[in-house]
């Protein structure tokens, strides 16, 4: 069985992330009540790929991962997102 190089895995993960974020933004553009969109990143390296904010100030956060398992530490940026 062939194995993928780490650089190939990183590149495919970035491509997936870009695709999913673009698809979510297309869907959000058709929804009423979406006030803004962006991403969130700290100086420590925590990041959330996409944050959609509603007109009411609530946020939907998305962290996109290419894999069939999500390590617990990958969820910490979602937990640390300012409320």
PDB file of N, CA and C in Angstrom:
ATOM      1  N   UNK A   1       0.845  -1.173   0.000  1.00  0.00           N
ATOM      2  CA  UNK A   1       0.000   0.000   0.000  1.00  0.00           C
ATOM      3  C   UNK A   1       0.891   1.238   0.000  1.00  0.00           C
ATOM      4  N   UNK A   2       0.562   2.200  -0.817  1.00  0.00           N
ATOM      5  CA  UNK A   2       1.335   3.439  -0.889  1.00  0.00           C
ATOM      6  C   UNK A   2       1.005   4.329   0.299  1.00  0.00           C
ATOM      7  N   UNK A   3       1.992   5.060   0.763  1.00  0.00           N
ATOM      8  CA  UNK A   3       1.765   6.030   1.829  1.00  0.00           C
ATOM      9  C   UNK A   3       1.946   7.427   1.262  1.00  0.00           C
ATOM     10  N   UNK A   4       1.271   8.367   1.873  1.00  0.00           N
ATOM     11  CA  UNK A   4       1.375   9.751   1.440  1.00  0.00           C
ATOM     12  C   UNK A   4       2.453  10.460   2.237  1.00  0.00           C
ATOM     13  N   UNK A   5       3.170  11.309   1.574  1.00  0.00           N
ATOM     14  CA  UNK A   5       4.184  12.126   2.232  1.00  0.00           C
ATOM     15  C   UNK A   5       3.491  13.150   3.131  1.00  0.00           C
ATOM     16  N   UNK A   6       4.124  13.532   4.250  1.00  0.00           N
ATOM     17  CA  UNK A   6       3.523  14.556   5.120  1.00  0.00           C
ATOM     18  C   UNK A   6       3.183  15.846   4.384  1.00  0.00           C
ATOM     19  N   UNK A   7       4.020  16.258   3.435  1.00  0.00           N
ATOM     20  CA  UNK A   7       3.727  17.491   2.694  1.00  0.00           C
ATOM     21  C   UNK A   7       2.465  17.343   1.849  1.00  0.00           C
ATOM     22  N   UNK A   8       2.234  16.145   1.312  1.00  0.00           N
ATOM     23  CA  UNK A   8       1.021  15.888   0.535  1.00  0.00           C
ATOM     24  C   UNK A   8      -0.201  15.933   1.436  1.00  0.00           C
ATOM     25  N   UNK A   9      -0.085  15.359   2.630  1.00  0.00           N
ATOM     26  CA  UNK A   9      -1.198  15.393   3.577  1.00  0.00           C
ATOM     27  C   UNK A   9      -1.514  16.823   3.989  1.00  0.00           C
ATOM     28  N   UNK A  10      -0.482  17.617   4.251  1.00  0.00           N
ATOM     29  CA  UNK A  10      -0.692  19.011   4.625  1.00  0.00           C
ATOM     30  C   UNK A  10      -1.375  19.769   3.496  1.00  0.00           C
ATOM     31  N   UNK A  11      -0.902  19.573   2.282  1.00  0.00           N
ATOM     32  CA  UNK A  11      -1.486  20.264   1.134  1.00  0.00           C
ATOM     33  C   UNK A  11      -2.936  19.854   0.915  1.00  0.00           C
ATOM     34  N   UNK A  12      -3.233  18.575   1.022  1.00  0.00           N
ATOM     35  CA  UNK A  12      -4.618  18.135   0.819  1.00  0.00           C
ATOM     36  C   UNK A  12      -5.511  18.650   1.936  1.00  0.00           C
ATOM     37  N   UNK A  13      -4.987  18.745   3.151  1.00  0.00           N
ATOM     38  CA  UNK A  13      -5.764  19.317   4.250  1.00  0.00           C
ATOM     39  C   UNK A  13      -6.084  20.778   4.013  1.00  0.00           C
ATOM     40  N   UNK A  14      -5.112  21.527   3.510  1.00  0.00           N
ATOM     41  CA  UNK A  14      -5.339  22.938   3.199  1.00  0.00           C
ATOM     42  C   UNK A  14      -6.345  23.109   2.066  1.00  0.00           C
ATOM     43  N   UNK A  15      -6.269  22.243   1.070  1.00  0.00           N
ATOM     44  CA  UNK A  15      -7.240  22.294  -0.028  1.00  0.00           C
ATOM     45  C   UNK A  15      -8.647  21.992   0.474  1.00  0.00           C
ATOM     46  N   UNK A  16      -8.772  20.991   1.336  1.00  0.00           N
ATOM     47  CA  UNK A  16     -10.079  20.665   1.899  1.00  0.00           C
ATOM     48  C   UNK A  16     -10.609  21.834   2.716  1.00  0.00           C
ATOM     49  N   UNK A  17      -9.758  22.411   3.551  1.00  0.00           N
ATOM     50  CA  UNK A  17     -10.165  23.549   4.370  1.00  0.00           C
ATOM     51  C   UNK A  17     -10.668  24.696   3.495  1.00  0.00           C
ATOM     52  N   UNK A  18      -9.938  25.021   2.450  1.00  0.00           N
ATOM     53  CA  UNK A  18     -10.336  26.095   1.540  1.00  0.00           C
ATOM     54  C   UNK A  18     -11.672  25.786   0.877  1.00  0.00           C
ATOM     55  N   UNK A  19     -11.843  24.565   0.413  1.00  0.00           N
ATOM     56  CA  UNK A  19     -13.088  24.166  -0.235  1.00  0.00           C
ATOM     57  C   UNK A  19     -14.272  24.282   0.728  1.00  0.00           C
ATOM     58  N   UNK A  20     -14.130  23.742   1.928  1.00  0.00           N
ATOM     59  CA  UNK A  20     -15.238  23.750   2.892  1.00  0.00           C
ATOM     60  C   UNK A  20     -15.582  25.178   3.307  1.00  0.00           C
ATOM     61  N   UNK A  21     -14.572  25.995   3.597  1.00  0.00           N
ATOM     62  CA  UNK A  21     -14.840  27.385   3.975  1.00  0.00           C
ATOM     63  C   UNK A  21     -15.574  28.105   2.844  1.00  0.00           C
ATOM     64  N   UNK A  22     -15.131  27.925   1.613  1.00  0.00           N
ATOM     65  CA  UNK A  22     -15.811  28.575   0.487  1.00  0.00           C
ATOM     66  C   UNK A  22     -17.247  28.105   0.330  1.00  0.00           C
ATOM     67  N   UNK A  23     -17.492  26.822   0.512  1.00  0.00           N
ATOM     68  CA  UNK A  23     -18.863  26.304   0.422  1.00  0.00           C
ATOM     69  C   UNK A  23     -19.735  26.866   1.546  1.00  0.00           C
ATOM     70  N   UNK A  24     -19.199  26.934   2.763  1.00  0.00           N
ATOM     71  CA  UNK A  24     -19.957  27.505   3.881  1.00  0.00           C
ATOM     72  C   UNK A  24     -20.252  28.985   3.646  1.00  0.00           C
ATOM     73  N   UNK A  25     -19.289  29.719   3.103  1.00  0.00           N
ATOM     74  CA  UNK A  25     -19.515  31.137   2.814  1.00  0.00           C
ATOM     75  C   UNK A  25     -20.565  31.325   1.725  1.00  0.00           C
ATOM     76  N   UNK A  26     -20.581  30.451   0.725  1.00  0.00           N
ATOM     77  CA  UNK A  26     -21.631  30.525  -0.304  1.00  0.00           C
ATOM     78  C   UNK A  26     -23.003  30.314   0.324  1.00  0.00           C
ATOM     79  N   UNK A  27     -23.114  29.318   1.195  1.00  0.00           N
ATOM     80  CA  UNK A  27     -24.391  29.058   1.857  1.00  0.00           C
ATOM     81  C   UNK A  27     -24.783  30.233   2.752  1.00  0.00           C
ATOM     82  N   UNK A  28     -23.819  30.766   3.497  1.00  0.00           N
ATOM     83  CA  UNK A  28     -24.105  31.877   4.410  1.00  0.00           C
ATOM     84  C   UNK A  28     -24.560  33.117   3.653  1.00  0.00           C
ATOM     85  N   UNK A  29     -24.059  33.308   2.441  1.00  0.00           N
ATOM     86  CA  UNK A  29     -24.449  34.487   1.664  1.00  0.00           C
ATOM     87  C   UNK A  29     -25.923  34.445   1.279  1.00  0.00           C
ATOM     88  N   UNK A  30     -26.531  33.281   1.326  1.00  0.00           N
ATOM     89  CA  UNK A  30     -27.942  33.125   0.986  1.00  0.00           C
ATOM     90  C   UNK A  30     -28.849  33.176   2.212  1.00  0.00           C
ATOM     91  N   UNK A  31     -28.257  33.338   3.389  1.00  0.00           N
ATOM     92  CA  UNK A  31     -29.021  33.325   4.643  1.00  0.00           C
ATOM     93  C   UNK A  31     -29.236  34.740   5.152  1.00  0.00           C
ATOM     94  N   UNK A  32     -30.439  34.988   5.639  1.00  0.00           N
ATOM     95  CA  UNK A  32     -30.699  36.244   6.335  1.00  0.00           C
ATOM     96  C   UNK A  32     -30.116  36.140   7.735  1.00  0.00           C
ATOM     97  N   UNK A  33     -29.698  37.252   8.272  1.00  0.00           N
ATOM     98  CA  UNK A  33     -29.261  37.278   9.665  1.00  0.00           C
ATOM     99  C   UNK A  33     -27.787  37.034   9.891  1.00  0.00           C
ATOM    100  N   UNK A  34     -26.990  36.915   8.823  1.00  0.00           N
ATOM    101  CA  UNK A  34     -25.544  36.750   8.988  1.00  0.00           C
ATOM    102  C   UNK A  34     -24.911  38.138   8.897  1.00  0.00           C
ATOM    103  N   UNK A  35     -24.333  38.596  10.008  1.00  0.00           N
ATOM    104  CA  UNK A  35     -23.774  39.947  10.070  1.00  0.00           C
ATOM    105  C   UNK A  35     -22.339  40.011   9.578  1.00  0.00           C
ATOM    106  N   UNK A  36     -21.612  38.929   9.730  1.00  0.00           N
ATOM    107  CA  UNK A  36     -20.214  38.969   9.318  1.00  0.00           C
ATOM    108  C   UNK A  36     -19.574  37.602   9.360  1.00  0.00           C
ATOM    109  N   UNK A  37     -18.389  37.529   8.772  1.00  0.00           N
ATOM    110  CA  UNK A  37     -17.638  36.282   8.795  1.00  0.00           C
ATOM    111  C   UNK A  37     -16.156  36.609   8.899  1.00  0.00           C
ATOM    112  N   UNK A  38     -15.420  35.651   9.406  1.00  0.00           N
ATOM    113  CA  UNK A  38     -13.979  35.828   9.537  1.00  0.00           C
ATOM    114  C   UNK A  38     -13.363  34.567  10.114  1.00  0.00           C
ATOM    115  N   UNK A  39     -12.149  34.698  10.588  1.00  0.00           N
ATOM    116  CA  UNK A  39     -11.495  33.600  11.279  1.00  0.00           C
ATOM    117  C   UNK A  39     -10.935  34.160  12.574  1.00  0.00           C
ATOM    118  N   UNK A  40     -10.460  33.287  13.441  1.00  0.00           N
ATOM    119  CA  UNK A  40      -9.936  33.715  14.730  1.00  0.00           C
ATOM    120  C   UNK A  40      -8.607  33.029  14.958  1.00  0.00           C
ATOM    121  N   UNK A  41      -7.611  33.808  15.350  1.00  0.00           N
ATOM    122  CA  UNK A  41      -6.276  33.251  15.600  1.00  0.00           C
ATOM    123  C   UNK A  41      -5.620  34.014  16.745  1.00  0.00           C
ATOM    124  N   UNK A  42      -4.911  33.281  17.608  1.00  0.00           N
ATOM    125  CA  UNK A  42      -4.183  33.905  18.708  1.00  0.00           C
ATOM    126  C   UNK A  42      -2.689  33.928  18.396  1.00  0.00           C
ATOM    127  N   UNK A  43      -1.943  34.672  19.193  1.00  0.00           N
ATOM    128  CA  UNK A  43      -0.482  34.689  19.056  1.00  0.00           C
ATOM    129  C   UNK A  43       0.120  33.336  19.401  1.00  0.00           C
ATOM    130  N   UNK A  44      -0.601  32.538  20.201  1.00  0.00           N
ATOM    131  CA  UNK A  44      -0.114  31.212  20.601  1.00  0.00           C
ATOM    132  C   UNK A  44      -0.338  30.151  19.528  1.00  0.00           C
ATOM    133  N   UNK A  45      -1.038  30.503  18.457  1.00  0.00           N
ATOM    134  CA  UNK A  45      -1.245  29.557  17.368  1.00  0.00           C
ATOM    135  C   UNK A  45      -2.611  28.898  17.341  1.00  0.00           C
ATOM    136  N   UNK A  46      -3.465  29.155  18.345  1.00  0.00           N
ATOM    137  CA  UNK A  46      -4.832  28.631  18.281  1.00  0.00           C
ATOM    138  C   UNK A  46      -5.556  29.325  17.140  1.00  0.00           C
ATOM    139  N   UNK A  47      -6.372  28.563  16.413  1.00  0.00           N
ATOM    140  CA  UNK A  47      -7.138  29.174  15.333  1.00  0.00           C
ATOM    141  C   UNK A  47      -8.444  28.427  15.125  1.00  0.00           C
ATOM    142  N   UNK A  48      -9.420  29.170  14.646  1.00  0.00           N
ATOM    143  CA  UNK A  48     -10.692  28.620  14.193  1.00  0.00           C
ATOM    144  C   UNK A  48     -10.819  29.052  12.740  1.00  0.00           C
ATOM    145  N   UNK A  49     -11.077  28.094  11.859  1.00  0.00           N
ATOM    146  CA  UNK A  49     -11.047  28.359  10.420  1.00  0.00           C
ATOM    147  C   UNK A  49     -12.102  29.347   9.948  1.00  0.00           C
ATOM    148  N   UNK A  50     -13.289  29.283  10.522  1.00  0.00           N
ATOM    149  CA  UNK A  50     -14.363  30.168  10.076  1.00  0.00           C
ATOM    150  C   UNK A  50     -15.275  30.472  11.249  1.00  0.00           C
ATOM    151  N   UNK A  51     -15.605  31.754  11.394  1.00  0.00           N
ATOM    152  CA  UNK A  51     -16.574  32.189  12.397  1.00  0.00           C
ATOM    153  C   UNK A  51     -17.619  33.022  11.668  1.00  0.00           C
ATOM    154  N   UNK A  52     -18.878  32.603  11.779  1.00  0.00           N
ATOM    155  CA  UNK A  52     -19.997  33.361  11.229  1.00  0.00           C
ATOM    156  C   UNK A  52     -20.726  34.012  12.390  1.00  0.00           C
ATOM    157  N   UNK A  53     -20.982  35.310  12.284  1.00  0.00           N
ATOM    158  CA  UNK A  53     -21.677  36.026  13.350  1.00  0.00           C
ATOM    159  C   UNK A  53     -23.068  36.419  12.872  1.00  0.00           C
ATOM    160  N   UNK A  54     -24.055  36.185  13.742  1.00  0.00           N
ATOM    161  CA  UNK A  54     -25.429  36.531  13.392  1.00  0.00           C
ATOM    162  C   UNK A  54     -25.712  37.989  13.732  1.00  0.00           C
ATOM    163  N   UNK A  55     -26.835  38.484  13.242  1.00  0.00           N
ATOM    164  CA  UNK A  55     -27.273  39.840  13.568  1.00  0.00           C
ATOM    165  C   UNK A  55     -27.496  40.009  15.064  1.00  0.00           C
ATOM    166  N   UNK A  56     -27.694  38.917  15.780  1.00  0.00           N
ATOM    167  CA  UNK A  56     -27.984  38.952  17.210  1.00  0.00           C
ATOM    168  C   UNK A  56     -26.726  38.807  18.060  1.00  0.00           C
ATOM    169  N   UNK A  57     -25.560  38.711  17.426  1.00  0.00           N
ATOM    170  CA  UNK A  57     -24.314  38.618  18.166  1.00  0.00           C
ATOM    171  C   UNK A  57     -23.862  37.215  18.506  1.00  0.00           C
ATOM    172  N   UNK A  58     -24.616  36.207  18.122  1.00  0.00           N
ATOM    173  CA  UNK A  58     -24.175  34.834  18.361  1.00  0.00           C
ATOM    174  C   UNK A  58     -23.227  34.412  17.240  1.00  0.00           C
ATOM    175  N   UNK A  59     -22.388  33.438  17.552  1.00  0.00           N
ATOM    176  CA  UNK A  59     -21.384  33.012  16.579  1.00  0.00           C
ATOM    177  C   UNK A  59     -21.476  31.519  16.328  1.00  0.00           C
ATOM    178  N   UNK A  60     -21.216  31.145  15.087  1.00  0.00           N
ATOM    179  CA  UNK A  60     -21.035  29.747  14.697  1.00  0.00           C
ATOM    180  C   UNK A  60     -19.576  29.595  14.316  1.00  0.00           C
ATOM    181  N   UNK A  61     -18.893  28.660  14.956  1.00  0.00           N
ATOM    182  CA  UNK A  61     -17.467  28.460  14.694  1.00  0.00           C
ATOM    183  C   UNK A  61     -17.254  27.113  14.016  1.00  0.00           C
ATOM    184  N   UNK A  62     -16.366  27.093  13.025  1.00  0.00           N
ATOM    185  CA  UNK A  62     -16.068  25.883  12.263  1.00  0.00           C
ATOM    186  C   UNK A  62     -14.566  25.645  12.259  1.00  0.00           C
ATOM    187  N   UNK A  63     -14.170  24.452  12.619  1.00  0.00           N
ATOM    188  CA  UNK A  63     -12.775  24.021  12.516  1.00  0.00           C
ATOM    189  C   UNK A  63     -12.773  22.824  11.578  1.00  0.00           C
ATOM    190  N   UNK A  64     -12.133  22.950  10.445  1.00  0.00           N
ATOM    191  CA  UNK A  64     -12.168  21.917   9.409  1.00  0.00           C
ATOM    192  C   UNK A  64     -10.916  21.061   9.515  1.00  0.00           C
ATOM    193  N   UNK A  65     -11.110  19.750   9.554  1.00  0.00           N
ATOM    194  CA  UNK A  65     -10.003  18.799   9.643  1.00  0.00           C
ATOM    195  C   UNK A  65     -10.186  17.717   8.589  1.00  0.00           C
ATOM    196  N   UNK A  66      -9.088  17.305   7.984  1.00  0.00           N
ATOM    197  CA  UNK A  66      -9.099  16.193   7.036  1.00  0.00           C
ATOM    198  C   UNK A  66      -8.675  14.946   7.798  1.00  0.00           C
ATOM    199  N   UNK A  67      -9.610  14.125   8.126  1.00  0.00           N
ATOM    200  CA  UNK A  67      -9.295  12.905   8.857  1.00  0.00           C
ATOM    201  C   UNK A  67     -10.563  12.280   9.395  1.00  0.00           C
ATOM    202  N   UNK A  68     -10.464  11.052   9.815  1.00  0.00           N
ATOM    203  CA  UNK A  68     -11.647  10.389  10.359  1.00  0.00           C
ATOM    204  C   UNK A  68     -11.686  10.449  11.878  1.00  0.00           C
ATOM    205  N   UNK A  69     -10.677  11.056  12.495  1.00  0.00           N
ATOM    206  CA  UNK A  69     -10.653  11.261  13.947  1.00  0.00           C
ATOM    207  C   UNK A  69     -10.158  12.676  14.222  1.00  0.00           C
ATOM    208  N   UNK A  70     -10.708  13.265  15.257  1.00  0.00           N
ATOM    209  CA  UNK A  70     -10.270  14.597  15.666  1.00  0.00           C
ATOM    210  C   UNK A  70      -9.624  14.472  17.038  1.00  0.00           C
ATOM    211  N   UNK A  71      -8.315  14.725  17.128  1.00  0.00           N
ATOM    212  CA  UNK A  71      -7.666  14.680  18.437  1.00  0.00           C
ATOM    213  C   UNK A  71      -8.255  15.735  19.373  1.00  0.00           C
ATOM    214  N   UNK A  72      -8.326  15.412  20.639  1.00  0.00           N
ATOM    215  CA  UNK A  72      -8.918  16.303  21.641  1.00  0.00           C
ATOM    216  C   UNK A  72      -8.295  17.700  21.595  1.00  0.00           C
ATOM    217  N   UNK A  73      -6.971  17.771  21.423  1.00  0.00           N
ATOM    218  CA  UNK A  73      -6.308  19.080  21.432  1.00  0.00           C
ATOM    219  C   UNK A  73      -6.746  19.958  20.260  1.00  0.00           C
ATOM    220  N   UNK A  74      -7.253  19.355  19.189  1.00  0.00           N
ATOM    221  CA  UNK A  74      -7.731  20.148  18.056  1.00  0.00           C
ATOM    222  C   UNK A  74      -9.031  20.884  18.373  1.00  0.00           C
ATOM    223  N   UNK A  75      -9.703  20.489  19.448  1.00  0.00           N
ATOM    224  CA  UNK A  75     -10.949  21.149  19.836  1.00  0.00           C
ATOM    225  C   UNK A  75     -10.717  22.338  20.760  1.00  0.00           C
ATOM    226  N   UNK A  76      -9.511  22.465  21.322  1.00  0.00           N
ATOM    227  CA  UNK A  76      -9.263  23.537  22.290  1.00  0.00           C
ATOM    228  C   UNK A  76      -9.479  24.935  21.707  1.00  0.00           C
ATOM    229  N   UNK A  77      -9.129  25.218  20.443  1.00  0.00           N
ATOM    230  CA  UNK A  77      -9.431  26.563  19.932  1.00  0.00           C
ATOM    231  C   UNK A  77     -10.931  26.877  19.949  1.00  0.00           C
ATOM    232  N   UNK A  78     -11.760  25.879  19.699  1.00  0.00           N
ATOM    233  CA  UNK A  78     -13.207  26.117  19.749  1.00  0.00           C
ATOM    234  C   UNK A  78     -13.650  26.433  21.173  1.00  0.00           C
ATOM    235  N   UNK A  79     -13.042  25.754  22.144  1.00  0.00           N
ATOM    236  CA  UNK A  79     -13.374  26.017  23.548  1.00  0.00           C
ATOM    237  C   UNK A  79     -12.866  27.390  23.991  1.00  0.00           C
ATOM    238  N   UNK A  80     -11.750  27.831  23.419  1.00  0.00           N
ATOM    239  CA  UNK A  80     -11.128  29.088  23.832  1.00  0.00           C
ATOM    240  C   UNK A  80     -11.633  30.303  23.067  1.00  0.00           C
ATOM    241  N   UNK A  81     -12.495  30.089  22.105  1.00  0.00           N
ATOM    242  CA  UNK A  81     -13.043  31.199  21.328  1.00  0.00           C
ATOM    243  C   UNK A  81     -13.759  32.162  22.269  1.00  0.00           C
ATOM    244  N   UNK A  82     -13.440  33.458  22.205  1.00  0.00           N
ATOM    245  CA  UNK A  82     -14.121  34.414  23.098  1.00  0.00           C
ATOM    246  C   UNK A  82     -15.633  34.366  22.902  1.00  0.00           C
ATOM    247  N   UNK A  83     -16.330  34.492  23.977  1.00  0.00           N
ATOM    248  CA  UNK A  83     -17.797  34.441  23.930  1.00  0.00           C
ATOM    249  C   UNK A  83     -18.371  35.818  23.713  1.00  0.00           C
TER     250      UNK A  83
END
